[in-house]
């Protein structure tokens, strides 16, 4: 742990920044969980969907469009996220850490700063995710509409986290209950 990732609060306790990342299929509950995690003191939420919708309106038509914009955004935000963590501010990333390469980016963030981390994995089956997706599309509250065909296309790239990837993993079931935990 580097000294810069710890701060002393008003009563002299040491607080350590934590990087929270989420992994789970579309409509598995990642944004719901990240909103709850962001309620903690000295915590900032960064939502990929909100940033992409604002920075690239009407530009996401294909999976390739999304991948290129998301990669640019990760490059832009890397130093900013590390500065927040080094200042002792916990960061909740509402980004899909659904592939080994996106998780490698997350790993580089907490490794560079030496802060604590959690990879929250929402292990929810396709049937439940698709039902939630339909409800989300009908509500119109999400910045993007995703069809069942797009869900299937995107989900083909989903890779659950492996214990050997070096993360403190918390696994949740479809009800949001913790089923398994590794690390601190």
N, C-alpha and C. Protein backbone atom coordinates (compact mmCIF):
# COMPACT_ATOMS: atom_id res chain seq x y z
N UNK A 1 0.86 -1.18 0.00
CA UNK A 1 0.00 0.00 0.00
C UNK A 1 0.89 1.23 0.00
N UNK A 2 0.68 2.10 -0.92
CA UNK A 2 1.46 3.34 -0.94
C UNK A 2 0.85 4.33 0.03
N UNK A 3 1.68 5.18 0.62
CA UNK A 3 1.16 6.14 1.59
C UNK A 3 0.15 7.11 0.99
N UNK A 4 0.25 7.39 -0.31
CA UNK A 4 -0.66 8.37 -0.90
C UNK A 4 -2.08 7.84 -1.04
N UNK A 5 -2.29 6.54 -0.97
CA UNK A 5 -3.64 6.02 -1.12
C UNK A 5 -4.38 5.96 0.22
N UNK A 6 -3.72 6.44 1.27
CA UNK A 6 -4.36 6.49 2.59
C UNK A 6 -4.47 7.94 3.03
N UNK A 7 -5.57 8.26 3.66
CA UNK A 7 -5.74 9.60 4.22
C UNK A 7 -6.17 9.45 5.67
N UNK A 8 -5.92 10.48 6.43
CA UNK A 8 -6.34 10.48 7.83
C UNK A 8 -7.60 11.32 7.92
N UNK A 9 -8.66 10.75 8.50
CA UNK A 9 -9.91 11.51 8.61
C UNK A 9 -9.87 12.44 9.82
N UNK A 10 -10.95 13.13 10.06
CA UNK A 10 -11.01 14.18 11.08
C UNK A 10 -10.73 13.65 12.49
N UNK A 11 -10.98 12.39 12.76
CA UNK A 11 -10.74 11.86 14.10
C UNK A 11 -9.48 11.00 14.16
N UNK A 12 -8.64 11.09 13.11
CA UNK A 12 -7.35 10.43 13.16
C UNK A 12 -7.33 8.99 12.67
N UNK A 13 -8.45 8.47 12.19
CA UNK A 13 -8.44 7.10 11.66
C UNK A 13 -7.88 7.12 10.24
N UNK A 14 -7.21 6.06 9.89
CA UNK A 14 -6.73 5.94 8.51
C UNK A 14 -7.85 5.36 7.65
N UNK A 15 -8.08 6.01 6.51
CA UNK A 15 -9.05 5.52 5.53
C UNK A 15 -8.29 5.15 4.28
N UNK A 16 -8.58 4.00 3.74
CA UNK A 16 -7.91 3.54 2.54
C UNK A 16 -8.88 3.59 1.38
N UNK A 17 -8.43 4.12 0.27
CA UNK A 17 -9.25 4.14 -0.93
C UNK A 17 -9.44 2.72 -1.45
N UNK A 18 -10.61 2.48 -2.03
CA UNK A 18 -10.93 1.18 -2.61
C UNK A 18 -11.42 1.42 -4.04
N UNK A 19 -10.90 0.65 -4.97
CA UNK A 19 -11.41 0.65 -6.33
C UNK A 19 -12.41 -0.48 -6.45
N UNK A 20 -13.66 -0.13 -6.77
CA UNK A 20 -14.72 -1.12 -6.98
C UNK A 20 -14.96 -1.26 -8.47
N UNK A 21 -14.92 -2.50 -8.95
CA UNK A 21 -15.20 -2.80 -10.35
C UNK A 21 -16.33 -3.82 -10.39
N UNK A 22 -17.09 -3.85 -11.49
CA UNK A 22 -18.20 -4.80 -11.60
C UNK A 22 -18.07 -5.63 -12.86
N UNK A 23 -18.50 -6.87 -12.73
CA UNK A 23 -18.48 -7.81 -13.84
C UNK A 23 -19.84 -8.50 -13.85
N UNK A 24 -20.45 -8.55 -15.02
CA UNK A 24 -21.74 -9.22 -15.14
C UNK A 24 -22.34 -8.92 -16.50
N UNK A 25 -23.19 -9.78 -16.93
CA UNK A 25 -23.84 -9.61 -18.24
C UNK A 25 -24.74 -8.39 -18.22
N UNK A 26 -25.19 -7.98 -19.40
CA UNK A 26 -26.10 -6.85 -19.53
C UNK A 26 -27.34 -7.12 -18.69
N UNK A 27 -27.76 -6.13 -17.91
CA UNK A 27 -28.96 -6.19 -17.06
C UNK A 27 -28.84 -7.18 -15.91
N UNK A 28 -27.60 -7.48 -15.52
CA UNK A 28 -27.41 -8.37 -14.36
C UNK A 28 -27.53 -7.61 -13.04
N UNK A 29 -27.51 -6.27 -13.09
CA UNK A 29 -27.64 -5.48 -11.88
C UNK A 29 -26.41 -4.67 -11.54
N UNK A 30 -25.49 -4.50 -12.49
CA UNK A 30 -24.25 -3.76 -12.23
C UNK A 30 -24.50 -2.32 -11.80
N UNK A 31 -25.35 -1.60 -12.53
CA UNK A 31 -25.60 -0.19 -12.19
C UNK A 31 -26.33 -0.05 -10.86
N UNK A 32 -27.21 -0.97 -10.57
CA UNK A 32 -27.91 -0.95 -9.27
C UNK A 32 -26.91 -1.14 -8.14
N UNK A 33 -26.01 -2.11 -8.30
CA UNK A 33 -24.99 -2.37 -7.27
C UNK A 33 -24.03 -1.19 -7.14
N UNK A 34 -23.58 -0.65 -8.27
CA UNK A 34 -22.61 0.46 -8.18
C UNK A 34 -23.23 1.69 -7.52
N UNK A 35 -24.50 1.94 -7.77
CA UNK A 35 -25.17 3.07 -7.10
C UNK A 35 -25.17 2.86 -5.59
N UNK A 36 -25.39 1.64 -5.16
CA UNK A 36 -25.38 1.33 -3.72
C UNK A 36 -23.97 1.48 -3.15
N UNK A 37 -22.96 0.99 -3.87
CA UNK A 37 -21.58 1.10 -3.40
C UNK A 37 -21.13 2.55 -3.31
N UNK A 38 -21.62 3.37 -4.22
CA UNK A 38 -21.22 4.79 -4.26
C UNK A 38 -21.82 5.61 -3.14
N UNK A 39 -22.74 5.04 -2.37
CA UNK A 39 -23.32 5.76 -1.23
C UNK A 39 -22.35 5.90 -0.07
N UNK A 40 -21.23 5.19 -0.12
CA UNK A 40 -20.26 5.26 0.98
C UNK A 40 -19.57 6.62 0.99
N UNK A 41 -19.11 7.02 2.17
CA UNK A 41 -18.39 8.29 2.30
C UNK A 41 -17.10 8.26 1.48
N UNK A 42 -16.69 9.43 1.00
CA UNK A 42 -15.45 9.61 0.24
C UNK A 42 -15.38 8.66 -0.96
N UNK A 43 -16.51 8.52 -1.67
CA UNK A 43 -16.61 7.61 -2.80
C UNK A 43 -17.22 8.32 -3.99
N UNK A 44 -16.63 8.08 -5.16
CA UNK A 44 -17.09 8.68 -6.41
C UNK A 44 -17.51 7.56 -7.36
N UNK A 45 -18.63 7.77 -8.05
CA UNK A 45 -19.11 6.84 -9.06
C UNK A 45 -18.78 7.38 -10.45
N UNK A 46 -18.21 6.53 -11.29
CA UNK A 46 -17.96 6.86 -12.68
C UNK A 46 -18.71 5.84 -13.53
N UNK A 47 -19.68 6.31 -14.31
CA UNK A 47 -20.54 5.44 -15.10
C UNK A 47 -20.18 5.50 -16.57
N UNK A 48 -19.74 4.38 -17.11
CA UNK A 48 -19.38 4.33 -18.52
C UNK A 48 -20.55 4.71 -19.42
N UNK A 49 -21.74 4.18 -19.15
CA UNK A 49 -22.90 4.48 -20.00
C UNK A 49 -23.19 5.97 -20.05
N UNK A 50 -23.12 6.64 -18.90
CA UNK A 50 -23.40 8.08 -18.88
C UNK A 50 -22.34 8.86 -19.64
N UNK A 51 -21.08 8.51 -19.46
CA UNK A 51 -20.00 9.21 -20.17
C UNK A 51 -20.12 8.98 -21.67
N UNK A 52 -20.34 7.73 -22.08
CA UNK A 52 -20.44 7.44 -23.51
C UNK A 52 -21.64 8.15 -24.12
N UNK A 53 -22.77 8.13 -23.43
CA UNK A 53 -23.97 8.80 -23.96
C UNK A 53 -23.74 10.30 -24.13
N UNK A 54 -22.97 10.90 -23.23
CA UNK A 54 -22.69 12.34 -23.30
C UNK A 54 -21.60 12.66 -24.33
N UNK A 55 -20.53 11.90 -24.31
CA UNK A 55 -19.40 12.19 -25.20
C UNK A 55 -19.64 11.77 -26.65
N UNK A 56 -20.41 10.70 -26.83
CA UNK A 56 -20.58 10.14 -28.18
C UNK A 56 -22.07 9.93 -28.51
N UNK A 57 -22.87 10.98 -28.42
CA UNK A 57 -24.31 10.80 -28.71
C UNK A 57 -24.51 10.38 -30.16
N UNK A 58 -25.37 9.40 -30.34
CA UNK A 58 -25.75 8.90 -31.67
C UNK A 58 -24.58 8.30 -32.45
N UNK A 59 -23.49 7.93 -31.77
CA UNK A 59 -22.34 7.36 -32.46
C UNK A 59 -22.18 5.86 -32.23
N UNK A 60 -22.97 5.29 -31.34
CA UNK A 60 -22.82 3.87 -31.02
C UNK A 60 -23.90 3.09 -31.77
N UNK A 61 -23.49 2.45 -32.88
CA UNK A 61 -24.43 1.67 -33.68
C UNK A 61 -24.03 0.21 -33.76
N UNK A 62 -22.76 -0.07 -33.51
CA UNK A 62 -22.26 -1.44 -33.59
C UNK A 62 -21.38 -1.73 -32.38
N UNK A 63 -21.06 -2.99 -32.20
CA UNK A 63 -20.16 -3.38 -31.13
C UNK A 63 -18.77 -2.76 -31.34
N UNK A 64 -18.35 -2.62 -32.58
CA UNK A 64 -17.07 -1.97 -32.89
C UNK A 64 -17.09 -0.50 -32.49
N UNK A 65 -18.23 0.18 -32.75
CA UNK A 65 -18.36 1.59 -32.33
C UNK A 65 -18.18 1.70 -30.82
N UNK A 66 -18.88 0.83 -30.08
CA UNK A 66 -18.79 0.85 -28.62
C UNK A 66 -17.36 0.58 -28.17
N UNK A 67 -16.73 -0.46 -28.72
CA UNK A 67 -15.38 -0.84 -28.27
C UNK A 67 -14.38 0.28 -28.48
N UNK A 68 -14.45 0.96 -29.62
CA UNK A 68 -13.48 2.03 -29.88
C UNK A 68 -13.72 3.23 -28.96
N UNK A 69 -14.98 3.60 -28.73
CA UNK A 69 -15.28 4.74 -27.84
C UNK A 69 -14.93 4.40 -26.39
N UNK A 70 -15.24 3.18 -25.97
CA UNK A 70 -14.93 2.77 -24.60
C UNK A 70 -13.42 2.75 -24.36
N UNK A 71 -12.66 2.29 -25.35
CA UNK A 71 -11.20 2.27 -25.20
C UNK A 71 -10.64 3.68 -25.08
N UNK A 72 -11.15 4.60 -25.88
CA UNK A 72 -10.71 6.01 -25.78
C UNK A 72 -11.03 6.57 -24.40
N UNK A 73 -12.22 6.25 -23.92
CA UNK A 73 -12.63 6.78 -22.63
C UNK A 73 -11.77 6.22 -21.50
N UNK A 74 -11.45 4.91 -21.55
CA UNK A 74 -10.58 4.33 -20.53
C UNK A 74 -9.21 5.02 -20.54
N UNK A 75 -8.68 5.27 -21.72
CA UNK A 75 -7.39 5.97 -21.83
C UNK A 75 -7.47 7.35 -21.18
N UNK A 76 -8.53 8.07 -21.47
CA UNK A 76 -8.73 9.41 -20.92
C UNK A 76 -8.86 9.38 -19.40
N UNK A 77 -9.59 8.42 -18.87
CA UNK A 77 -9.92 8.41 -17.44
C UNK A 77 -8.86 7.75 -16.56
N UNK A 78 -7.93 7.01 -17.12
CA UNK A 78 -6.96 6.27 -16.32
C UNK A 78 -6.26 7.14 -15.28
N UNK A 79 -5.61 8.20 -15.72
CA UNK A 79 -4.87 9.05 -14.79
C UNK A 79 -5.80 9.71 -13.78
N UNK A 80 -6.97 10.14 -14.23
CA UNK A 80 -7.93 10.79 -13.33
C UNK A 80 -8.36 9.83 -12.21
N UNK A 81 -8.67 8.61 -12.56
CA UNK A 81 -9.07 7.61 -11.56
C UNK A 81 -7.93 7.36 -10.59
N UNK A 82 -6.72 7.24 -11.09
CA UNK A 82 -5.57 7.00 -10.23
C UNK A 82 -5.33 8.17 -9.28
N UNK A 83 -5.52 9.39 -9.74
CA UNK A 83 -5.35 10.57 -8.89
C UNK A 83 -6.39 10.55 -7.76
N UNK A 84 -7.63 10.22 -8.09
CA UNK A 84 -8.67 10.13 -7.06
C UNK A 84 -8.31 9.08 -6.01
N UNK A 85 -7.90 7.92 -6.47
CA UNK A 85 -7.53 6.85 -5.53
C UNK A 85 -6.33 7.25 -4.68
N UNK A 86 -5.33 7.87 -5.30
CA UNK A 86 -4.14 8.31 -4.56
C UNK A 86 -4.49 9.36 -3.51
N UNK A 87 -5.55 10.13 -3.76
CA UNK A 87 -6.00 11.15 -2.81
C UNK A 87 -6.84 10.55 -1.69
N UNK A 88 -7.03 9.24 -1.71
CA UNK A 88 -7.80 8.58 -0.66
C UNK A 88 -9.29 8.53 -0.94
N UNK A 89 -9.69 8.81 -2.15
CA UNK A 89 -11.11 8.76 -2.52
C UNK A 89 -11.38 7.43 -3.20
N UNK A 90 -12.34 6.69 -2.69
CA UNK A 90 -12.71 5.43 -3.32
C UNK A 90 -13.44 5.71 -4.62
N UNK A 91 -13.27 4.81 -5.58
CA UNK A 91 -13.89 4.97 -6.89
C UNK A 91 -14.68 3.70 -7.22
N UNK A 92 -15.92 3.92 -7.63
CA UNK A 92 -16.77 2.83 -8.10
C UNK A 92 -16.90 3.00 -9.60
N UNK A 93 -16.43 2.01 -10.35
CA UNK A 93 -16.49 2.08 -11.80
C UNK A 93 -17.67 1.24 -12.30
N UNK A 94 -18.67 1.91 -12.82
CA UNK A 94 -19.80 1.22 -13.44
C UNK A 94 -19.43 1.00 -14.91
N UNK A 95 -18.45 0.15 -15.09
CA UNK A 95 -17.94 -0.27 -16.39
C UNK A 95 -18.06 -1.80 -16.41
N UNK A 96 -18.30 -2.40 -17.54
CA UNK A 96 -18.36 -3.87 -17.57
C UNK A 96 -16.96 -4.48 -17.62
N UNK A 97 -16.49 -5.00 -16.52
CA UNK A 97 -15.19 -5.68 -16.47
C UNK A 97 -15.42 -7.15 -16.85
N UNK A 98 -15.89 -7.34 -18.10
CA UNK A 98 -16.40 -8.63 -18.55
C UNK A 98 -15.45 -9.44 -19.40
N UNK A 99 -14.27 -8.91 -19.65
CA UNK A 99 -13.26 -9.63 -20.42
C UNK A 99 -11.93 -9.53 -19.69
N UNK A 100 -11.02 -10.41 -20.05
CA UNK A 100 -9.69 -10.37 -19.42
C UNK A 100 -9.00 -9.04 -19.70
N UNK A 101 -9.20 -8.47 -20.89
CA UNK A 101 -8.51 -7.21 -21.21
C UNK A 101 -9.07 -6.03 -20.41
N UNK A 102 -10.38 -5.96 -20.21
CA UNK A 102 -10.91 -4.86 -19.40
C UNK A 102 -10.52 -5.05 -17.94
N UNK A 103 -10.47 -6.29 -17.49
CA UNK A 103 -10.03 -6.52 -16.11
C UNK A 103 -8.55 -6.20 -15.96
N UNK A 104 -7.75 -6.40 -17.00
CA UNK A 104 -6.32 -6.02 -16.94
C UNK A 104 -6.19 -4.51 -16.75
N UNK A 105 -7.06 -3.73 -17.40
CA UNK A 105 -7.06 -2.28 -17.19
C UNK A 105 -7.38 -1.97 -15.73
N UNK A 106 -8.41 -2.59 -15.18
CA UNK A 106 -8.77 -2.37 -13.78
C UNK A 106 -7.62 -2.74 -12.85
N UNK A 107 -6.97 -3.86 -13.15
CA UNK A 107 -5.83 -4.31 -12.34
C UNK A 107 -4.72 -3.26 -12.37
N UNK A 108 -4.48 -2.67 -13.55
CA UNK A 108 -3.43 -1.65 -13.65
C UNK A 108 -3.76 -0.41 -12.83
N UNK A 109 -5.05 -0.10 -12.70
CA UNK A 109 -5.45 1.08 -11.93
C UNK A 109 -5.09 0.94 -10.46
N UNK A 110 -5.48 -0.17 -9.83
CA UNK A 110 -5.21 -0.30 -8.40
C UNK A 110 -3.75 -0.65 -8.13
N UNK A 111 -3.09 -1.33 -9.06
CA UNK A 111 -1.68 -1.65 -8.88
C UNK A 111 -0.82 -0.39 -8.90
N UNK A 112 -1.11 0.54 -9.81
CA UNK A 112 -0.32 1.76 -9.93
C UNK A 112 -0.39 2.61 -8.67
N UNK A 113 -1.53 2.57 -7.99
CA UNK A 113 -1.73 3.40 -6.80
C UNK A 113 -1.44 2.63 -5.53
N UNK A 114 -1.59 1.32 -5.56
CA UNK A 114 -1.37 0.51 -4.38
C UNK A 114 -2.56 0.53 -3.43
N UNK A 115 -3.74 0.73 -3.97
CA UNK A 115 -4.93 0.78 -3.11
C UNK A 115 -5.63 -0.58 -3.07
N UNK A 116 -6.60 -0.68 -2.22
CA UNK A 116 -7.42 -1.89 -2.14
C UNK A 116 -8.37 -1.93 -3.32
N UNK A 117 -8.94 -3.09 -3.56
CA UNK A 117 -9.86 -3.24 -4.68
C UNK A 117 -10.85 -4.36 -4.41
N UNK A 118 -11.96 -4.31 -5.14
CA UNK A 118 -12.97 -5.38 -5.13
C UNK A 118 -13.48 -5.53 -6.56
N UNK A 119 -13.57 -6.75 -7.02
CA UNK A 119 -14.24 -7.04 -8.28
C UNK A 119 -15.55 -7.73 -7.92
N UNK A 120 -16.64 -7.03 -8.15
CA UNK A 120 -17.98 -7.52 -7.81
C UNK A 120 -18.52 -8.23 -9.04
N UNK A 121 -18.72 -9.55 -8.92
CA UNK A 121 -19.19 -10.35 -10.05
C UNK A 121 -20.65 -10.75 -9.82
N UNK A 122 -21.53 -10.27 -10.67
CA UNK A 122 -22.95 -10.61 -10.59
C UNK A 122 -23.20 -11.80 -11.50
N UNK A 123 -23.35 -12.97 -10.89
CA UNK A 123 -23.51 -14.22 -11.62
C UNK A 123 -25.00 -14.49 -11.82
N UNK A 124 -25.53 -13.92 -12.90
CA UNK A 124 -26.97 -13.98 -13.19
C UNK A 124 -27.14 -14.64 -14.55
N UNK A 125 -28.09 -15.58 -14.65
CA UNK A 125 -28.26 -16.32 -15.90
C UNK A 125 -28.92 -15.47 -17.00
N UNK A 126 -28.80 -15.96 -18.23
CA UNK A 126 -29.31 -15.23 -19.40
C UNK A 126 -30.82 -14.97 -19.32
N UNK A 127 -31.57 -15.93 -18.86
CA UNK A 127 -33.03 -15.77 -18.80
C UNK A 127 -33.43 -14.58 -17.93
N UNK A 128 -32.83 -14.48 -16.77
CA UNK A 128 -33.13 -13.37 -15.85
C UNK A 128 -32.63 -12.05 -16.45
N UNK A 129 -31.41 -12.05 -17.00
CA UNK A 129 -30.88 -10.82 -17.60
C UNK A 129 -31.76 -10.33 -18.74
N UNK A 130 -32.22 -11.24 -19.59
CA UNK A 130 -33.06 -10.84 -20.72
C UNK A 130 -34.40 -10.28 -20.25
N UNK A 131 -34.97 -10.86 -19.21
CA UNK A 131 -36.23 -10.33 -18.66
C UNK A 131 -36.01 -8.93 -18.09
N UNK A 132 -34.91 -8.74 -17.37
CA UNK A 132 -34.59 -7.42 -16.82
C UNK A 132 -34.31 -6.42 -17.95
N UNK A 133 -33.64 -6.88 -19.01
CA UNK A 133 -33.34 -6.03 -20.14
C UNK A 133 -34.61 -5.53 -20.81
N UNK A 134 -35.57 -6.42 -21.01
CA UNK A 134 -36.84 -6.01 -21.61
C UNK A 134 -37.53 -4.95 -20.76
N UNK A 135 -37.54 -5.15 -19.44
CA UNK A 135 -38.15 -4.18 -18.53
C UNK A 135 -37.41 -2.85 -18.58
N UNK A 136 -36.09 -2.92 -18.63
CA UNK A 136 -35.27 -1.70 -18.70
C UNK A 136 -35.53 -0.95 -20.00
N UNK A 137 -35.64 -1.66 -21.11
CA UNK A 137 -35.93 -1.02 -22.39
C UNK A 137 -37.28 -0.34 -22.36
N UNK A 138 -38.28 -1.00 -21.77
CA UNK A 138 -39.63 -0.43 -21.69
C UNK A 138 -39.65 0.82 -20.82
N UNK A 139 -38.87 0.81 -19.75
CA UNK A 139 -38.87 1.96 -18.83
C UNK A 139 -38.29 3.21 -19.47
N UNK A 140 -37.36 3.03 -20.40
CA UNK A 140 -36.72 4.17 -21.06
C UNK A 140 -35.76 4.94 -20.19
N UNK A 141 -35.44 4.44 -19.00
CA UNK A 141 -34.56 5.14 -18.07
C UNK A 141 -33.08 4.97 -18.37
N UNK A 142 -32.73 3.97 -19.14
CA UNK A 142 -31.32 3.71 -19.45
C UNK A 142 -30.94 4.47 -20.72
N UNK A 143 -29.72 4.98 -20.81
CA UNK A 143 -29.35 5.78 -21.99
C UNK A 143 -29.29 4.98 -23.29
N UNK A 144 -29.24 3.65 -23.20
CA UNK A 144 -29.16 2.82 -24.41
C UNK A 144 -30.23 1.74 -24.38
N UNK A 145 -30.81 1.48 -25.54
CA UNK A 145 -31.74 0.37 -25.73
C UNK A 145 -30.93 -0.78 -26.31
N UNK A 146 -31.09 -1.97 -25.77
CA UNK A 146 -30.37 -3.14 -26.24
C UNK A 146 -31.37 -4.22 -26.61
N UNK A 147 -31.30 -4.70 -27.85
CA UNK A 147 -32.20 -5.76 -28.29
C UNK A 147 -31.71 -7.11 -27.78
N UNK A 148 -32.56 -8.12 -27.87
CA UNK A 148 -32.16 -9.46 -27.47
C UNK A 148 -31.04 -9.97 -28.37
N UNK A 149 -31.09 -9.63 -29.64
CA UNK A 149 -30.03 -10.02 -30.58
C UNK A 149 -28.70 -9.37 -30.18
N UNK A 150 -28.73 -8.10 -29.83
CA UNK A 150 -27.52 -7.42 -29.39
C UNK A 150 -27.01 -8.01 -28.08
N UNK A 151 -27.94 -8.35 -27.19
CA UNK A 151 -27.56 -9.00 -25.93
C UNK A 151 -26.76 -10.27 -26.23
N UNK A 152 -27.29 -11.11 -27.12
CA UNK A 152 -26.63 -12.37 -27.46
C UNK A 152 -25.26 -12.12 -28.09
N UNK A 153 -25.17 -11.12 -28.96
CA UNK A 153 -23.91 -10.80 -29.62
C UNK A 153 -22.86 -10.35 -28.60
N UNK A 154 -23.25 -9.46 -27.71
CA UNK A 154 -22.32 -8.93 -26.70
C UNK A 154 -21.94 -10.00 -25.69
N UNK A 155 -22.89 -10.81 -25.30
CA UNK A 155 -22.66 -11.84 -24.27
C UNK A 155 -21.68 -12.91 -24.75
N UNK A 156 -21.53 -13.07 -26.05
CA UNK A 156 -20.55 -14.05 -26.56
C UNK A 156 -19.13 -13.70 -26.11
N UNK A 157 -18.89 -12.43 -25.81
CA UNK A 157 -17.56 -11.99 -25.38
C UNK A 157 -17.36 -12.05 -23.87
N UNK A 158 -18.42 -12.33 -23.14
CA UNK A 158 -18.36 -12.35 -21.68
C UNK A 158 -17.49 -13.51 -21.19
N UNK A 159 -16.56 -13.20 -20.29
CA UNK A 159 -15.70 -14.21 -19.67
C UNK A 159 -15.75 -13.98 -18.16
N UNK A 160 -16.29 -14.93 -17.40
CA UNK A 160 -16.31 -14.75 -15.94
C UNK A 160 -14.90 -14.62 -15.39
N UNK A 161 -14.73 -13.88 -14.30
CA UNK A 161 -13.39 -13.73 -13.73
C UNK A 161 -12.87 -15.05 -13.18
N UNK A 162 -11.57 -15.23 -13.30
CA UNK A 162 -10.91 -16.44 -12.77
C UNK A 162 -10.13 -16.06 -11.52
N UNK A 163 -10.02 -16.99 -10.60
CA UNK A 163 -9.30 -16.73 -9.36
C UNK A 163 -7.85 -16.33 -9.61
N UNK A 164 -7.22 -16.84 -10.65
CA UNK A 164 -5.82 -16.55 -10.95
C UNK A 164 -5.56 -15.18 -11.53
N UNK A 165 -6.60 -14.36 -11.73
CA UNK A 165 -6.41 -13.04 -12.31
C UNK A 165 -5.90 -12.01 -11.30
N UNK A 166 -5.89 -12.34 -10.03
CA UNK A 166 -5.32 -11.44 -9.03
C UNK A 166 -6.28 -10.43 -8.43
N UNK A 167 -7.56 -10.76 -8.40
CA UNK A 167 -8.56 -9.84 -7.85
C UNK A 167 -9.13 -10.37 -6.53
N UNK A 168 -9.57 -9.43 -5.69
CA UNK A 168 -10.42 -9.77 -4.56
C UNK A 168 -11.84 -9.79 -5.13
N UNK A 169 -12.42 -10.98 -5.26
CA UNK A 169 -13.69 -11.16 -5.96
C UNK A 169 -14.82 -11.39 -4.96
N UNK A 170 -15.93 -10.70 -5.21
CA UNK A 170 -17.16 -10.94 -4.46
C UNK A 170 -18.19 -11.38 -5.49
N UNK A 171 -18.73 -12.57 -5.32
CA UNK A 171 -19.70 -13.12 -6.26
C UNK A 171 -21.10 -13.00 -5.66
N UNK A 172 -22.03 -12.46 -6.46
CA UNK A 172 -23.42 -12.27 -6.05
C UNK A 172 -24.31 -13.17 -6.89
N UNK A 173 -25.42 -13.63 -6.29
CA UNK A 173 -26.41 -14.37 -7.06
C UNK A 173 -27.43 -13.41 -7.65
N UNK A 174 -28.47 -13.95 -8.30
CA UNK A 174 -29.46 -13.10 -8.99
C UNK A 174 -30.29 -12.24 -8.04
N UNK A 175 -30.29 -12.56 -6.75
CA UNK A 175 -31.04 -11.76 -5.78
C UNK A 175 -30.17 -10.66 -5.16
N UNK A 176 -28.88 -10.66 -5.49
CA UNK A 176 -27.97 -9.67 -4.94
C UNK A 176 -27.28 -10.12 -3.67
N UNK A 177 -27.50 -11.36 -3.26
CA UNK A 177 -26.84 -11.90 -2.06
C UNK A 177 -25.44 -12.38 -2.41
N UNK A 178 -24.51 -12.13 -1.47
CA UNK A 178 -23.14 -12.57 -1.67
C UNK A 178 -23.10 -14.09 -1.53
N UNK A 179 -22.53 -14.74 -2.56
CA UNK A 179 -22.43 -16.19 -2.57
C UNK A 179 -21.01 -16.66 -2.26
N UNK A 180 -20.02 -15.82 -2.58
CA UNK A 180 -18.62 -16.23 -2.46
C UNK A 180 -17.76 -14.98 -2.38
N UNK A 181 -16.64 -15.08 -1.66
CA UNK A 181 -15.74 -13.95 -1.51
C UNK A 181 -14.30 -14.46 -1.42
N UNK A 182 -13.38 -13.77 -2.11
CA UNK A 182 -11.96 -14.08 -1.99
C UNK A 182 -11.24 -12.84 -1.49
N UNK A 183 -10.03 -12.98 -1.01
CA UNK A 183 -9.22 -11.83 -0.61
C UNK A 183 -9.83 -11.05 0.54
N UNK A 184 -9.42 -9.76 0.61
CA UNK A 184 -9.87 -8.92 1.74
C UNK A 184 -11.18 -8.24 1.46
